[in-house]
C-alpha atoms as a PDB file:
ATOM      1  CA  MET A   1      24.658 -42.412 -20.583  1.00  0.00           C
ATOM      2  CA  GLU A   2      23.540 -42.376 -16.974  1.00  0.00           C
ATOM      3  CA  GLY A   3      26.228 -39.809 -16.107  1.00  0.00           C
ATOM      4  CA  LEU A   4      25.052 -37.525 -18.920  1.00  0.00           C
ATOM      5  CA  ALA A   5      21.425 -37.801 -17.770  1.00  0.00           C
ATOM      6  CA  CYS A   6      22.495 -37.001 -14.225  1.00  0.00           C
ATOM      7  CA  ASP A   7      24.518 -33.991 -15.432  1.00  0.00           C
ATOM      8  CA  ASN A   8      21.496 -32.750 -17.413  1.00  0.00           C
ATOM      9  CA  GLN A   9      19.273 -33.099 -14.339  1.00  0.00           C
ATOM     10  CA  ILE A  10      21.786 -31.200 -12.206  1.00  0.00           C
ATOM     11  CA  SER A  11      21.955 -28.454 -14.856  1.00  0.00           C
ATOM     12  CA  GLN A  12      18.136 -28.247 -14.957  1.00  0.00           C
ATOM     13  CA  ASP A  13      17.986 -28.099 -11.141  1.00  0.00           C
ATOM     14  CA  LYS A  14      20.532 -25.254 -11.101  1.00  0.00           C
ATOM     15  CA  LYS A  15      18.491 -23.286 -13.654  1.00  0.00           C
ATOM     16  CA  ILE A  16      15.297 -23.782 -11.629  1.00  0.00           C
ATOM     17  CA  ASN A  17      17.043 -22.792  -8.383  1.00  0.00           C
ATOM     18  CA  SER A  18      18.514 -19.709 -10.081  1.00  0.00           C
ATOM     19  CA  LYS A  19      15.076 -18.674 -11.340  1.00  0.00           C
ATOM     20  CA  ILE A  20      13.558 -19.161  -7.879  1.00  0.00           C
ATOM     21  CA  MET A  21      16.341 -17.106  -6.267  1.00  0.00           C
ATOM     22  CA  THR A  22      15.920 -14.311  -8.859  1.00  0.00           C
ATOM     23  CA  GLN A  23      12.175 -14.255  -8.210  1.00  0.00           C
ATOM     24  CA  GLN A  24      12.727 -14.225  -4.432  1.00  0.00           C
ATOM     25  CA  ASN A  25      15.235 -11.375  -4.746  1.00  0.00           C
ATOM     26  CA  GLN A  26      12.738  -9.384  -6.816  1.00  0.00           C
ATOM     27  CA  GLU A  27       9.975 -10.017  -4.249  1.00  0.00           C
ATOM     28  CA  ASP A  28      12.326  -8.953  -1.440  1.00  0.00           C
ATOM     29  CA  ARG A  29      13.163  -5.720  -3.308  1.00  0.00           C
ATOM     30  CA  ILE A  30       9.454  -4.982  -3.788  1.00  0.00           C
ATOM     31  CA  ARG A  31       8.732  -5.648  -0.096  1.00  0.00           C
ATOM     32  CA  LYS A  32      11.532  -3.259   0.904  1.00  0.00           C
ATOM     33  CA  PHE A  33      10.236  -0.678  -1.592  1.00  0.00           C
ATOM     34  CA  ILE A  34       6.686  -0.891  -0.158  1.00  0.00           C
ATOM     35  CA  HIS A  35       7.906  -0.635   3.444  1.00  0.00           C
ATOM     36  CA  GLU A  36       9.971   2.455   2.545  1.00  0.00           C
ATOM     37  CA  TYR A  37       7.014   4.018   0.672  1.00  0.00           C
ATOM     38  CA  THR A  38       4.655   3.421   3.597  1.00  0.00           C
ATOM     39  CA  GLU A  39       7.119   4.824   6.109  1.00  0.00           C
ATOM     40  CA  GLU A  40       8.177   7.873   4.098  1.00  0.00           C
ATOM     41  CA  ILE A  41       4.905   8.985   2.500  1.00  0.00           C
ATOM     42  CA  TRP A  42       2.335   7.901   5.084  1.00  0.00           C
ATOM     43  CA  ASN A  43       4.024   7.623   8.471  1.00  0.00           C
ATOM     44  CA  LYS A  44       6.515  10.491   8.077  1.00  0.00           C
ATOM     45  CA  ARG A  45       4.168  12.570   5.856  1.00  0.00           C
ATOM     46  CA  ASP A  46       7.043  13.366   3.543  1.00  0.00           C
ATOM     47  CA  PHE A  47       6.021  13.837  -0.108  1.00  0.00           C
ATOM     48  CA  SER A  48       9.376  15.182  -1.274  1.00  0.00           C
ATOM     49  CA  ASN A  49      10.324  11.839  -2.805  1.00  0.00           C
ATOM     50  CA  ALA A  50       6.875  10.705  -3.967  1.00  0.00           C
ATOM     51  CA  HIS A  51       8.203  10.579  -7.542  1.00  0.00           C
ATOM     52  CA  LYS A  52      10.601   7.839  -6.411  1.00  0.00           C
ATOM     53  CA  TYR A  53       7.667   5.566  -5.560  1.00  0.00           C
ATOM     54  CA  ARG A  54       4.782   6.524  -7.820  1.00  0.00           C
ATOM     55  CA  GLY A  55       4.716   6.480 -11.586  1.00  0.00           C
ATOM     56  CA  SER A  56       3.624   9.582 -13.492  1.00  0.00           C
ATOM     57  CA  ASP A  57       0.194   8.070 -14.150  1.00  0.00           C
ATOM     58  CA  PHE A  58      -0.314   6.626 -10.649  1.00  0.00           C
ATOM     59  CA  LYS A  59      -3.977   6.558  -9.668  1.00  0.00           C
ATOM     60  CA  ASN A  60      -6.411   5.445  -7.028  1.00  0.00           C
ATOM     61  CA  ILE A  61      -8.825   3.190  -8.922  1.00  0.00           C
ATOM     62  CA  PHE A  62     -11.748   4.207  -6.694  1.00  0.00           C
ATOM     63  CA  ALA A  63     -11.163   7.919  -7.342  1.00  0.00           C
ATOM     64  CA  PRO A  64     -10.001   8.027 -10.975  1.00  0.00           C
ATOM     65  CA  GLU A  65     -11.184  11.633 -11.355  1.00  0.00           C
ATOM     66  CA  ALA A  66      -8.430  12.566  -8.929  1.00  0.00           C
ATOM     67  CA  ALA A  67      -5.678  10.817 -10.879  1.00  0.00           C
ATOM     68  CA  HIS A  68      -3.408  13.848 -10.570  1.00  0.00           C
ATOM     69  CA  GLY A  69      -4.630  14.627  -7.092  1.00  0.00           C
ATOM     70  CA  VAL A  70      -3.408  11.533  -5.249  1.00  0.00           C
ATOM     71  CA  GLU A  71      -1.203  13.725  -3.080  1.00  0.00           C
ATOM     72  CA  ALA A  72      -4.261  15.846  -2.206  1.00  0.00           C
ATOM     73  CA  GLN A  73      -6.181  12.673  -1.287  1.00  0.00           C
ATOM     74  CA  VAL A  74      -3.366  11.510   0.987  1.00  0.00           C
ATOM     75  CA  THR A  75      -2.979  14.974   2.536  1.00  0.00           C
ATOM     76  CA  TYR A  76      -6.732  15.203   3.185  1.00  0.00           C
ATOM     77  CA  PHE A  77      -6.671  11.891   5.030  1.00  0.00           C
ATOM     78  CA  LEU A  78      -3.498  12.682   6.973  1.00  0.00           C
ATOM     79  CA  THR A  79      -4.948  16.062   7.977  1.00  0.00           C
ATOM     80  CA  ALA A  80      -7.889  14.251   9.576  1.00  0.00           C
ATOM     81  CA  PHE A  81      -5.596  12.138  11.804  1.00  0.00           C
ATOM     82  CA  ASN A  82      -2.633  13.302  13.845  1.00  0.00           C
ATOM     83  CA  PRO A  83      -0.798  11.279  14.901  1.00  0.00           C
ATOM     84  CA  PHE A  84      -1.289   8.722  12.134  1.00  0.00           C
ATOM     85  CA  HIS A  85       0.493   5.404  11.654  1.00  0.00           C
ATOM     86  CA  ILE A  86       0.229   2.487   9.232  1.00  0.00           C
ATOM     87  CA  GLU A  87       1.610  -0.891  10.238  1.00  0.00           C
ATOM     88  CA  ILE A  88       1.893  -3.531   7.554  1.00  0.00           C
ATOM     89  CA  LYS A  89       0.537  -6.739   9.078  1.00  0.00           C
ATOM     90  CA  ASP A  90       0.901  -8.952   6.021  1.00  0.00           C
ATOM     91  CA  MET A  91       2.115  -8.579   2.443  1.00  0.00           C
ATOM     92  CA  MET A  92       2.041 -10.828  -0.596  1.00  0.00           C
ATOM     93  CA  VAL A  93       3.934 -10.157  -3.802  1.00  0.00           C
ATOM     94  CA  ASP A  94       3.136 -11.842  -7.092  1.00  0.00           C
ATOM     95  CA  GLY A  95       5.022 -10.413 -10.040  1.00  0.00           C
ATOM     96  CA  ASP A  96       3.904  -6.783 -10.399  1.00  0.00           C
ATOM     97  CA  LYS A  97       1.011  -7.155  -7.923  1.00  0.00           C
ATOM     98  CA  ILE A  98       1.181  -6.460  -4.195  1.00  0.00           C
ATOM     99  CA  SER A  99      -1.537  -7.096  -1.651  1.00  0.00           C
ATOM    100  CA  MET A 100      -1.341  -5.978   1.948  1.00  0.00           C
ATOM    101  CA  TRP A 101      -3.301  -6.098   5.147  1.00  0.00           C
ATOM    102  CA  VAL A 102      -2.529  -3.006   7.218  1.00  0.00           C
ATOM    103  CA  GLU A 103      -3.581  -1.611  10.571  1.00  0.00           C
ATOM    104  CA  ILE A 104      -4.057   2.125  10.839  1.00  0.00           C
ATOM    105  CA  THR A 105      -3.978   4.003  14.142  1.00  0.00           C
ATOM    106  CA  GLY A 106      -4.427   7.677  14.816  1.00  0.00           C
ATOM    107  CA  THR A 107      -6.281  10.447  16.582  1.00  0.00           C
ATOM    108  CA  HIS A 108      -9.146  12.139  14.767  1.00  0.00           C
ATOM    109  CA  THR A 109      -7.984  15.774  14.837  1.00  0.00           C
ATOM    110  CA  GLY A 110      -9.356  17.125  11.550  1.00  0.00           C
ATOM    111  CA  GLU A 111     -12.542  17.005   9.537  1.00  0.00           C
ATOM    112  CA  LEU A 112     -13.171  13.754   7.666  1.00  0.00           C
ATOM    113  CA  PHE A 113     -16.030  13.532   5.156  1.00  0.00           C
ATOM    114  CA  GLY A 114     -17.944  16.197   7.068  1.00  0.00           C
ATOM    115  CA  ILE A 115     -17.331  14.657  10.507  1.00  0.00           C
ATOM    116  CA  LYS A 116     -15.870  17.314  12.781  1.00  0.00           C
ATOM    117  CA  PRO A 117     -12.777  16.347  14.838  1.00  0.00           C
ATOM    118  CA  THR A 118     -13.691  14.090  17.755  1.00  0.00           C
ATOM    119  CA  GLN A 119     -10.178  13.777  19.282  1.00  0.00           C
ATOM    120  CA  LYS A 120     -10.881  10.036  19.527  1.00  0.00           C
ATOM    121  CA  MET A 121      -8.090   7.522  19.068  1.00  0.00           C
ATOM    122  CA  VAL A 122      -8.976   4.990  16.396  1.00  0.00           C
ATOM    123  CA  LYS A 123      -7.662   1.704  15.059  1.00  0.00           C
ATOM    124  CA  PHE A 124      -8.963   0.212  11.828  1.00  0.00           C
ATOM    125  CA  ARG A 125      -7.813  -1.972   8.981  1.00  0.00           C
ATOM    126  CA  GLU A 126      -7.353  -1.704   5.282  1.00  0.00           C
ATOM    127  CA  ALA A 127      -6.743  -4.271   2.562  1.00  0.00           C
ATOM    128  CA  VAL A 128      -4.790  -2.606  -0.216  1.00  0.00           C
ATOM    129  CA  TRP A 129      -3.703  -3.850  -3.609  1.00  0.00           C
ATOM    130  CA  TYR A 130      -1.068  -2.178  -5.750  1.00  0.00           C
ATOM    131  CA  THR A 131       0.100  -2.786  -9.280  1.00  0.00           C
ATOM    132  CA  MET A 132       3.566  -1.773 -10.401  1.00  0.00           C
ATOM    133  CA  LYS A 133       4.821  -0.576 -13.760  1.00  0.00           C
ATOM    134  CA  ASP A 134       8.428   0.176 -14.624  1.00  0.00           C
ATOM    135  CA  GLY A 135       9.499  -0.356 -10.998  1.00  0.00           C
ATOM    136  CA  LYS A 136       7.027   2.150  -9.534  1.00  0.00           C
ATOM    137  CA  LEU A 137       3.509   2.073  -8.130  1.00  0.00           C
ATOM    138  CA  ASN A 138       0.968   2.382 -10.930  1.00  0.00           C
ATOM    139  CA  GLU A 139      -2.451   1.764  -9.348  1.00  0.00           C
ATOM    140  CA  VAL A 140      -3.868   1.394  -5.859  1.00  0.00           C
ATOM    141  CA  TYR A 141      -7.069  -0.385  -4.869  1.00  0.00           C
ATOM    142  CA  PRO A 142      -7.723   0.584  -1.216  1.00  0.00           C
ATOM    143  CA  PHE A 143     -10.434  -1.283   0.715  1.00  0.00           C
ATOM    144  CA  VAL A 144     -10.743   0.643   3.983  1.00  0.00           C
ATOM    145  CA  ASP A 145     -12.944  -0.693   6.788  1.00  0.00           C
ATOM    146  CA  TRP A 146     -14.873   2.589   6.909  1.00  0.00           C
ATOM    147  CA  ASN A 147     -17.691   1.079   8.954  1.00  0.00           C
ATOM    148  CA  HIS A 148     -15.336   0.179  11.807  1.00  0.00           C
ATOM    149  CA  LEU A 149     -13.740   3.644  11.668  1.00  0.00           C
ATOM    150  CA  PHE A 150     -17.092   5.506  11.695  1.00  0.00           C
ATOM    151  CA  GLU A 151     -18.341   3.345  14.592  1.00  0.00           C
ATOM    152  CA  GLN A 152     -15.290   4.407  16.618  1.00  0.00           C
ATOM    153  CA  LEU A 153     -15.923   8.052  15.747  1.00  0.00           C
ATOM    154  CA  GLY A 154     -19.513   7.618  16.917  1.00  0.00           C
ATOM    155  CA  GLN A 155     -21.039   8.889  13.690  1.00  0.00           C
ATOM    156  CA  TYR A 156     -21.280   8.346   9.968  1.00  0.00           C
ATOM    157  CA  PRO A 157     -20.667  11.084   7.427  1.00  0.00           C
ATOM    158  CA  PRO A 158     -23.604  12.590   5.579  1.00  0.00           C
ATOM    159  CA  MET A 159     -24.183  10.885   2.236  1.00  0.00           C
ATOM    160  CA  SER A 160     -23.453  14.162   0.458  1.00  0.00           C
ATOM    161  CA  LYS A 161     -19.841  14.041   1.754  1.00  0.00           C
ATOM    162  CA  LEU A 162     -19.025  10.530   0.537  1.00  0.00           C
END
């Protein structure tokens, strides 16, 4: 009897370890996916494969009226900063949810919310949450430290431009 109980425990342990490994492999694939997305879309400014990363109904939760204009939102922001770079400082994956802490650096070379180019180099942070659906990004919740950015630019945008 004791041998059977031991065999059952070993079998249970193997199932648990297999489940943990499967979950870890999935999290690793998502991390790789997010790093590739950040590098290709944001850092290299290459939208040619955006469909590979974003689902057809991908949207920025804080700008739902621009659901089909996410590329325009990204382009607008990238136009304001050249060079522009995002570095992922930390990432957590939980099922279909991803949260990240990123550091953004760049030079303010284009208009941003009515602020004319200052040519100032900036460094600011963003907390960003994504949800995934069918293996692609579905929603983004970006929390940009706008206050820190505007302080570095030496001005705040007019309320009419926000």
